[in-house]
Amino acid sequence: MISRYEWRGVLVALALAGCGADERVPGADSGPPPARPVEGDRGRVVFLGTSLTAGLGLDPAQAYPALVQQKIDSAGLPYEAVNAGVSGETSAGARRRIDWLLREPVSVLVIETGANDGLRGLEVDSLRANIQAIIDEARRLSQPPAIILVGMRAPPNLGFGYTRRFQEVYRDLAAKNDLPLVPFLLEGVAGVSSLNQADMIHPTAEGQRRMAEVVWKVLEPVLRRAA
């Protein structure tokens, strides 16, 4: 018998599999470049996220921020990837801790939040407001970071209307705030059993490697604009 927890993974997989990867947002390639690191220092690329970013069930070195660090080093770019993923966190939790994360200089803020909002069926308007508040908080800094928004999808068991409005949050906020958008973090990973752990929610090491590729396509040009 499939447990309730396993059914949740199946629902998520069904929702996320087959979503398009070619969506574009007006202004997705614009926005300010990250702050140029001081000579001899490394700029910080902070990955604000959920268990998907934290790499739940894996060694931290297998999570996609660590794999992005390898790409940064291979490209000869002077940046340090900081994994600020917290398992189980909703967008409200991310909003509460953003002030703390911004106490140290940040060159690029990568915002990955909302997956747990969708799993719990939380209000889409609250998701929108929380992400906007995070963006606003970052932009109030005297030296604001470049910001990249990472899109997520909601499972279908809450209805088409909810899943559509959930998905629109990321497109709308990216357009409104002129942000580069990663359309879907789990593109090519969601719903693929070989790329996910037994719960069909959290990616395997190979799934994380593919996530790093998806994020790097958007992050690399942002970093190179300041190089």
C-alpha atoms as a PDB file:
ATOM      1  CA  MET A   1       0.000   0.000   0.000  1.00  0.00           C
ATOM      2  CA  ILE A   2       1.254   3.470  -0.868  1.00  0.00           C
ATOM      3  CA  SER A   3       1.571   5.669   2.205  1.00  0.00           C
ATOM      4  CA  ARG A   4       0.115   9.164   2.412  1.00  0.00           C
ATOM      5  CA  TYR A   5       3.653  10.550   2.230  1.00  0.00           C
ATOM      6  CA  GLU A   6       4.404   8.525  -0.894  1.00  0.00           C
ATOM      7  CA  TRP A   7       1.148   9.654  -2.494  1.00  0.00           C
ATOM      8  CA  ARG A   8       2.222  13.235  -1.939  1.00  0.00           C
ATOM      9  CA  GLY A   9       5.387  12.523  -3.885  1.00  0.00           C
ATOM     10  CA  VAL A  10       3.380  10.952  -6.699  1.00  0.00           C
ATOM     11  CA  LEU A  11       1.102  13.999  -6.893  1.00  0.00           C
ATOM     12  CA  VAL A  12       4.079  16.332  -7.013  1.00  0.00           C
ATOM     13  CA  ALA A  13       5.706  14.273  -9.728  1.00  0.00           C
ATOM     14  CA  LEU A  14       2.530  14.322 -11.810  1.00  0.00           C
ATOM     15  CA  ALA A  15       2.251  18.083 -11.403  1.00  0.00           C
ATOM     16  CA  LEU A  16       5.826  18.850 -12.289  1.00  0.00           C
ATOM     17  CA  ALA A  17       6.559  16.404 -15.084  1.00  0.00           C
ATOM     18  CA  GLY A  18       6.281  17.745 -18.587  1.00  0.00           C
ATOM     19  CA  CYS A  19       6.238  21.468 -17.731  1.00  0.00           C
ATOM     20  CA  GLY A  20       7.787  23.643 -20.423  1.00  0.00           C
ATOM     21  CA  ALA A  21      11.286  25.061 -20.021  1.00  0.00           C
ATOM     22  CA  ASP A  22      11.241  27.758 -22.679  1.00  0.00           C
ATOM     23  CA  GLU A  23       9.125  30.402 -20.980  1.00  0.00           C
ATOM     24  CA  ARG A  24      10.680  33.851 -21.079  1.00  0.00           C
ATOM     25  CA  VAL A  25       9.971  36.891 -19.003  1.00  0.00           C
ATOM     26  CA  PRO A  26      10.322  40.504 -20.234  1.00  0.00           C
ATOM     27  CA  GLY A  27      13.545  41.832 -18.800  1.00  0.00           C
ATOM     28  CA  ALA A  28      14.817  38.387 -17.839  1.00  0.00           C
ATOM     29  CA  ASP A  29      18.301  39.194 -19.157  1.00  0.00           C
ATOM     30  CA  SER A  30      18.417  42.699 -17.712  1.00  0.00           C
ATOM     31  CA  GLY A  31      18.703  44.079 -14.216  1.00  0.00           C
ATOM     32  CA  PRO A  32      21.800  45.388 -12.468  1.00  0.00           C
ATOM     33  CA  PRO A  33      24.980  43.312 -12.500  1.00  0.00           C
ATOM     34  CA  PRO A  34      26.252  42.006  -9.177  1.00  0.00           C
ATOM     35  CA  ALA A  35      28.605  44.150  -7.146  1.00  0.00           C
ATOM     36  CA  ARG A  36      32.162  43.749  -8.356  1.00  0.00           C
ATOM     37  CA  PRO A  37      34.218  42.020  -5.641  1.00  0.00           C
ATOM     38  CA  VAL A  38      36.934  44.071  -3.976  1.00  0.00           C
ATOM     39  CA  GLU A  39      40.397  43.148  -5.208  1.00  0.00           C
ATOM     40  CA  GLY A  40      41.481  39.950  -3.479  1.00  0.00           C
ATOM     41  CA  ASP A  41      37.986  39.203  -2.143  1.00  0.00           C
ATOM     42  CA  ARG A  42      35.185  37.015  -3.455  1.00  0.00           C
ATOM     43  CA  GLY A  43      31.642  38.197  -3.932  1.00  0.00           C
ATOM     44  CA  ARG A  44      28.947  36.124  -2.238  1.00  0.00           C
ATOM     45  CA  VAL A  45      26.198  34.365  -4.189  1.00  0.00           C
ATOM     46  CA  VAL A  46      23.578  33.506  -1.560  1.00  0.00           C
ATOM     47  CA  PHE A  47      21.087  30.735  -2.399  1.00  0.00           C
ATOM     48  CA  LEU A  48      18.000  31.369  -0.264  1.00  0.00           C
ATOM     49  CA  GLY A  49      15.965  28.175  -0.490  1.00  0.00           C
ATOM     50  CA  THR A  50      14.149  25.119   0.775  1.00  0.00           C
ATOM     51  CA  SER A  51      15.244  21.495   1.103  1.00  0.00           C
ATOM     52  CA  LEU A  52      15.709  21.474  -2.667  1.00  0.00           C
ATOM     53  CA  THR A  53      18.553  23.948  -2.208  1.00  0.00           C
ATOM     54  CA  ALA A  54      19.785  22.459   1.067  1.00  0.00           C
ATOM     55  CA  GLY A  55      20.119  19.050  -0.631  1.00  0.00           C
ATOM     56  CA  LEU A  56      18.050  17.037   1.837  1.00  0.00           C
ATOM     57  CA  GLY A  57      19.190  13.416   2.012  1.00  0.00           C
ATOM     58  CA  LEU A  58      22.528  14.158   0.349  1.00  0.00           C
ATOM     59  CA  ASP A  59      25.987  15.303   1.314  1.00  0.00           C
ATOM     60  CA  PRO A  60      26.114  19.147   1.171  1.00  0.00           C
ATOM     61  CA  ALA A  61      28.786  18.842  -1.516  1.00  0.00           C
ATOM     62  CA  GLN A  62      26.158  17.211  -3.762  1.00  0.00           C
ATOM     63  CA  ALA A  63      23.610  20.023  -3.454  1.00  0.00           C
ATOM     64  CA  TYR A  64      23.312  22.282  -6.481  1.00  0.00           C
ATOM     65  CA  PRO A  65      24.854  25.409  -4.853  1.00  0.00           C
ATOM     66  CA  ALA A  66      28.079  23.462  -4.261  1.00  0.00           C
ATOM     67  CA  LEU A  67      27.980  22.238  -7.856  1.00  0.00           C
ATOM     68  CA  VAL A  68      27.433  25.808  -9.045  1.00  0.00           C
ATOM     69  CA  GLN A  69      30.550  26.738  -7.046  1.00  0.00           C
ATOM     70  CA  GLN A  70      32.513  24.277  -9.162  1.00  0.00           C
ATOM     71  CA  LYS A  71      31.227  26.006 -12.298  1.00  0.00           C
ATOM     72  CA  ILE A  72      32.130  29.419 -10.882  1.00  0.00           C
ATOM     73  CA  ASP A  73      35.665  28.231 -10.158  1.00  0.00           C
ATOM     74  CA  SER A  74      36.029  26.619 -13.580  1.00  0.00           C
ATOM     75  CA  ALA A  75      34.939  29.882 -15.184  1.00  0.00           C
ATOM     76  CA  GLY A  76      37.532  31.801 -13.167  1.00  0.00           C
ATOM     77  CA  LEU A  77      34.931  34.077 -11.586  1.00  0.00           C
ATOM     78  CA  PRO A  78      35.629  35.547  -8.122  1.00  0.00           C
ATOM     79  CA  TYR A  79      32.471  34.451  -6.288  1.00  0.00           C
ATOM     80  CA  GLU A  80      31.609  32.181  -3.374  1.00  0.00           C
ATOM     81  CA  ALA A  81      28.352  30.198  -3.388  1.00  0.00           C
ATOM     82  CA  VAL A  82      26.587  30.201  -0.008  1.00  0.00           C
ATOM     83  CA  ASN A  83      23.933  27.527   0.580  1.00  0.00           C
ATOM     84  CA  ALA A  84      21.206  29.123   2.714  1.00  0.00           C
ATOM     85  CA  GLY A  85      18.621  26.395   2.126  1.00  0.00           C
ATOM     86  CA  VAL A  86      16.387  25.320   5.041  1.00  0.00           C
ATOM     87  CA  SER A  87      14.331  22.136   4.827  1.00  0.00           C
ATOM     88  CA  GLY A  88      10.587  22.583   5.305  1.00  0.00           C
ATOM     89  CA  GLU A  89      10.685  26.364   5.087  1.00  0.00           C
ATOM     90  CA  THR A  90       7.797  28.287   3.553  1.00  0.00           C
ATOM     91  CA  SER A  91       8.052  31.680   1.874  1.00  0.00           C
ATOM     92  CA  ALA A  92       6.989  33.266   5.181  1.00  0.00           C
ATOM     93  CA  GLY A  93       9.992  31.672   6.872  1.00  0.00           C
ATOM     94  CA  ALA A  94      12.302  32.886   4.115  1.00  0.00           C
ATOM     95  CA  ARG A  95      10.890  36.379   4.544  1.00  0.00           C
ATOM     96  CA  ARG A  96      11.551  36.291   8.298  1.00  0.00           C
ATOM     97  CA  ARG A  97      15.223  35.426   7.934  1.00  0.00           C
ATOM     98  CA  ILE A  98      16.203  37.505   4.916  1.00  0.00           C
ATOM     99  CA  ASP A  99      17.321  40.429   7.075  1.00  0.00           C
ATOM    100  CA  TRP A 100      19.770  38.147   8.870  1.00  0.00           C
ATOM    101  CA  LEU A 101      21.115  36.759   5.595  1.00  0.00           C
ATOM    102  CA  LEU A 102      21.724  40.256   4.246  1.00  0.00           C
ATOM    103  CA  ARG A 103      23.850  41.381   7.188  1.00  0.00           C
ATOM    104  CA  GLU A 104      26.927  40.273   5.258  1.00  0.00           C
ATOM    105  CA  PRO A 105      27.564  41.729   1.776  1.00  0.00           C
ATOM    106  CA  VAL A 106      25.754  39.829  -0.978  1.00  0.00           C
ATOM    107  CA  SER A 107      26.622  40.168  -4.660  1.00  0.00           C
ATOM    108  CA  VAL A 108      23.819  37.937  -5.977  1.00  0.00           C
ATOM    109  CA  LEU A 109      20.706  36.717  -4.163  1.00  0.00           C
ATOM    110  CA  VAL A 110      19.110  33.611  -5.685  1.00  0.00           C
ATOM    111  CA  ILE A 111      15.551  33.246  -4.345  1.00  0.00           C
ATOM    112  CA  GLU A 112      14.163  29.692  -4.316  1.00  0.00           C
ATOM    113  CA  THR A 113      11.041  29.542  -2.181  1.00  0.00           C
ATOM    114  CA  GLY A 114       7.437  28.407  -2.459  1.00  0.00           C
ATOM    115  CA  ALA A 115       7.735  24.647  -2.856  1.00  0.00           C
ATOM    116  CA  ASN A 116       6.455  24.061   0.671  1.00  0.00           C
ATOM    117  CA  ASP A 117       3.741  26.683   0.230  1.00  0.00           C
ATOM    118  CA  GLY A 118       2.461  24.636  -2.692  1.00  0.00           C
ATOM    119  CA  LEU A 119       2.659  21.307  -0.864  1.00  0.00           C
ATOM    120  CA  ARG A 120       0.624  22.780   2.006  1.00  0.00           C
ATOM    121  CA  GLY A 121      -1.846  24.621  -0.207  1.00  0.00           C
ATOM    122  CA  LEU A 122      -1.017  27.996   1.354  1.00  0.00           C
ATOM    123  CA  GLU A 123      -2.482  31.203  -0.045  1.00  0.00           C
ATOM    124  CA  VAL A 124      -0.971  32.225  -3.374  1.00  0.00           C
ATOM    125  CA  ASP A 125      -1.359  35.900  -2.499  1.00  0.00           C
ATOM    126  CA  SER A 126       0.768  35.333   0.598  1.00  0.00           C
ATOM    127  CA  LEU A 127       3.448  33.647  -1.511  1.00  0.00           C
ATOM    128  CA  ARG A 128       3.464  36.649  -3.832  1.00  0.00           C
ATOM    129  CA  ALA A 129       3.648  39.136  -0.950  1.00  0.00           C
ATOM    130  CA  ASN A 130       6.438  37.242   0.808  1.00  0.00           C
ATOM    131  CA  ILE A 131       8.642  37.028  -2.284  1.00  0.00           C
ATOM    132  CA  GLN A 132       8.042  40.701  -3.065  1.00  0.00           C
ATOM    133  CA  ALA A 133       9.006  41.607   0.508  1.00  0.00           C
ATOM    134  CA  ILE A 134      12.266  39.654   0.142  1.00  0.00           C
ATOM    135  CA  ILE A 135      13.051  41.503  -3.083  1.00  0.00           C
ATOM    136  CA  ASP A 136      12.212  44.863  -1.490  1.00  0.00           C
ATOM    137  CA  GLU A 137      14.376  44.123   1.559  1.00  0.00           C
ATOM    138  CA  ALA A 138      17.354  43.287  -0.646  1.00  0.00           C
ATOM    139  CA  ARG A 139      16.911  46.381  -2.775  1.00  0.00           C
ATOM    140  CA  ARG A 140      16.836  48.674   0.258  1.00  0.00           C
ATOM    141  CA  LEU A 141      20.506  47.942   0.919  1.00  0.00           C
ATOM    142  CA  SER A 142      23.002  50.691   0.138  1.00  0.00           C
ATOM    143  CA  GLN A 143      24.694  48.191  -2.194  1.00  0.00           C
ATOM    144  CA  PRO A 144      21.802  45.965  -3.312  1.00  0.00           C
ATOM    145  CA  PRO A 145      22.598  42.569  -4.802  1.00  0.00           C
ATOM    146  CA  ALA A 146      21.608  41.377  -8.220  1.00  0.00           C
ATOM    147  CA  ILE A 147      18.580  39.109  -7.745  1.00  0.00           C
ATOM    148  CA  ILE A 148      17.590  35.935  -9.570  1.00  0.00           C
ATOM    149  CA  LEU A 149      14.144  34.423  -9.023  1.00  0.00           C
ATOM    150  CA  VAL A 150      13.713  30.651  -9.234  1.00  0.00           C
ATOM    151  CA  GLY A 151      10.321  29.340 -10.346  1.00  0.00           C
ATOM    152  CA  MET A 152       8.437  26.426  -8.809  1.00  0.00           C
ATOM    153  CA  ARG A 153       5.207  24.506  -9.534  1.00  0.00           C
ATOM    154  CA  ALA A 154       2.372  23.353  -7.264  1.00  0.00           C
ATOM    155  CA  PRO A 155       0.869  19.823  -7.236  1.00  0.00           C
ATOM    156  CA  PRO A 156      -2.441  19.323  -9.090  1.00  0.00           C
ATOM    157  CA  ASN A 157      -4.525  18.012  -6.206  1.00  0.00           C
ATOM    158  CA  LEU A 158      -5.439  21.576  -5.195  1.00  0.00           C
ATOM    159  CA  GLY A 159      -7.080  22.294  -8.532  1.00  0.00           C
ATOM    160  CA  PHE A 160      -6.171  23.899 -11.844  1.00  0.00           C
ATOM    161  CA  GLY A 161      -6.964  27.404 -10.631  1.00  0.00           C
ATOM    162  CA  TYR A 162      -4.536  27.155  -7.737  1.00  0.00           C
ATOM    163  CA  THR A 163      -1.719  25.635  -9.793  1.00  0.00           C
ATOM    164  CA  ARG A 164      -2.137  28.275 -12.512  1.00  0.00           C
ATOM    165  CA  ARG A 165      -2.102  31.178 -10.060  1.00  0.00           C
ATOM    166  CA  PHE A 166       0.857  29.643  -8.232  1.00  0.00           C
ATOM    167  CA  GLN A 167       2.897  29.413 -11.414  1.00  0.00           C
ATOM    168  CA  GLU A 168       1.974  32.940 -12.442  1.00  0.00           C
ATOM    169  CA  VAL A 169       3.477  34.364  -9.245  1.00  0.00           C
ATOM    170  CA  TYR A 170       7.016  33.800 -10.474  1.00  0.00           C
ATOM    171  CA  ARG A 171       6.466  35.110 -13.991  1.00  0.00           C
ATOM    172  CA  ASP A 172       4.635  38.175 -12.715  1.00  0.00           C
ATOM    173  CA  LEU A 173       7.195  39.061 -10.057  1.00  0.00           C
ATOM    174  CA  ALA A 174      10.104  38.582 -12.433  1.00  0.00           C
ATOM    175  CA  ALA A 175       8.449  40.901 -14.966  1.00  0.00           C
ATOM    176  CA  LYS A 176       7.359  43.468 -12.365  1.00  0.00           C
ATOM    177  CA  ASN A 177      10.797  43.659 -10.762  1.00  0.00           C
ATOM    178  CA  ASP A 178      12.837  43.196 -13.957  1.00  0.00           C
ATOM    179  CA  LEU A 179      14.525  40.056 -12.657  1.00  0.00           C
ATOM    180  CA  PRO A 180      16.194  37.143 -14.421  1.00  0.00           C
ATOM    181  CA  LEU A 181      13.987  34.076 -13.968  1.00  0.00           C
ATOM    182  CA  VAL A 182      14.841  30.395 -13.771  1.00  0.00           C
ATOM    183  CA  PRO A 183      11.444  29.210 -15.073  1.00  0.00           C
ATOM    184  CA  PHE A 184      11.443  25.879 -13.216  1.00  0.00           C
ATOM    185  CA  LEU A 185      14.167  24.605 -10.879  1.00  0.00           C
ATOM    186  CA  LEU A 186      13.257  20.945 -11.407  1.00  0.00           C
ATOM    187  CA  GLU A 187      13.122  21.050 -15.196  1.00  0.00           C
ATOM    188  CA  GLY A 188      14.043  17.598 -16.517  1.00  0.00           C
ATOM    189  CA  VAL A 189      14.174  16.217 -12.965  1.00  0.00           C
ATOM    190  CA  ALA A 190      10.609  16.266 -11.624  1.00  0.00           C
ATOM    191  CA  GLY A 191       8.749  13.029 -12.204  1.00  0.00           C
ATOM    192  CA  VAL A 192      11.878  11.084 -13.258  1.00  0.00           C
ATOM    193  CA  SER A 193      12.274   8.249 -10.780  1.00  0.00           C
ATOM    194  CA  SER A 194      15.974   7.749 -11.443  1.00  0.00           C
ATOM    195  CA  LEU A 195      16.659  11.401 -10.598  1.00  0.00           C
ATOM    196  CA  ASN A 196      14.663  11.488  -7.355  1.00  0.00           C
ATOM    197  CA  GLN A 197      14.951   9.852  -3.964  1.00  0.00           C
ATOM    198  CA  ALA A 198      12.297   7.407  -2.780  1.00  0.00           C
ATOM    199  CA  ASP A 199       9.867  10.191  -1.821  1.00  0.00           C
ATOM    200  CA  MET A 200       9.810  11.428  -5.459  1.00  0.00           C
ATOM    201  CA  ILE A 201      10.195  14.967  -4.096  1.00  0.00           C
ATOM    202  CA  HIS A 202      13.883  15.384  -3.330  1.00  0.00           C
ATOM    203  CA  PRO A 203      16.403  14.912  -6.167  1.00  0.00           C
ATOM    204  CA  THR A 204      19.272  12.472  -6.120  1.00  0.00           C
ATOM    205  CA  ALA A 205      22.866  13.605  -6.610  1.00  0.00           C
ATOM    206  CA  GLU A 206      22.370  13.347 -10.377  1.00  0.00           C
ATOM    207  CA  GLY A 207      19.136  15.300 -10.106  1.00  0.00           C
ATOM    208  CA  GLN A 208      20.987  18.020  -8.228  1.00  0.00           C
ATOM    209  CA  ARG A 209      23.621  18.089 -10.952  1.00  0.00           C
ATOM    210  CA  ARG A 210      20.911  18.789 -13.521  1.00  0.00           C
ATOM    211  CA  MET A 211      19.441  21.490 -11.290  1.00  0.00           C
ATOM    212  CA  ALA A 212      22.867  23.137 -11.171  1.00  0.00           C
ATOM    213  CA  GLU A 213      22.879  23.222 -14.977  1.00  0.00           C
ATOM    214  CA  VAL A 214      19.437  24.849 -15.040  1.00  0.00           C
ATOM    215  CA  VAL A 215      20.456  27.538 -12.547  1.00  0.00           C
ATOM    216  CA  TRP A 216      23.860  28.128 -14.124  1.00  0.00           C
ATOM    217  CA  LYS A 217      22.306  29.057 -17.470  1.00  0.00           C
ATOM    218  CA  VAL A 218      20.742  32.091 -15.814  1.00  0.00           C
ATOM    219  CA  LEU A 219      23.392  32.838 -13.196  1.00  0.00           C
ATOM    220  CA  GLU A 220      26.489  32.752 -15.411  1.00  0.00           C
ATOM    221  CA  PRO A 221      25.607  35.787 -17.563  1.00  0.00           C
ATOM    222  CA  VAL A 222      24.709  37.756 -14.417  1.00  0.00           C
ATOM    223  CA  LEU A 223      28.137  37.059 -12.932  1.00  0.00           C
ATOM    224  CA  ARG A 224      29.967  37.767 -16.163  1.00  0.00           C
ATOM    225  CA  ARG A 225      28.383  41.220 -16.507  1.00  0.00           C
ATOM    226  CA  ALA A 226      30.428  42.319 -13.502  1.00  0.00           C
ATOM    227  CA  ALA A 227      33.624  40.569 -14.562  1.00  0.00           C
END
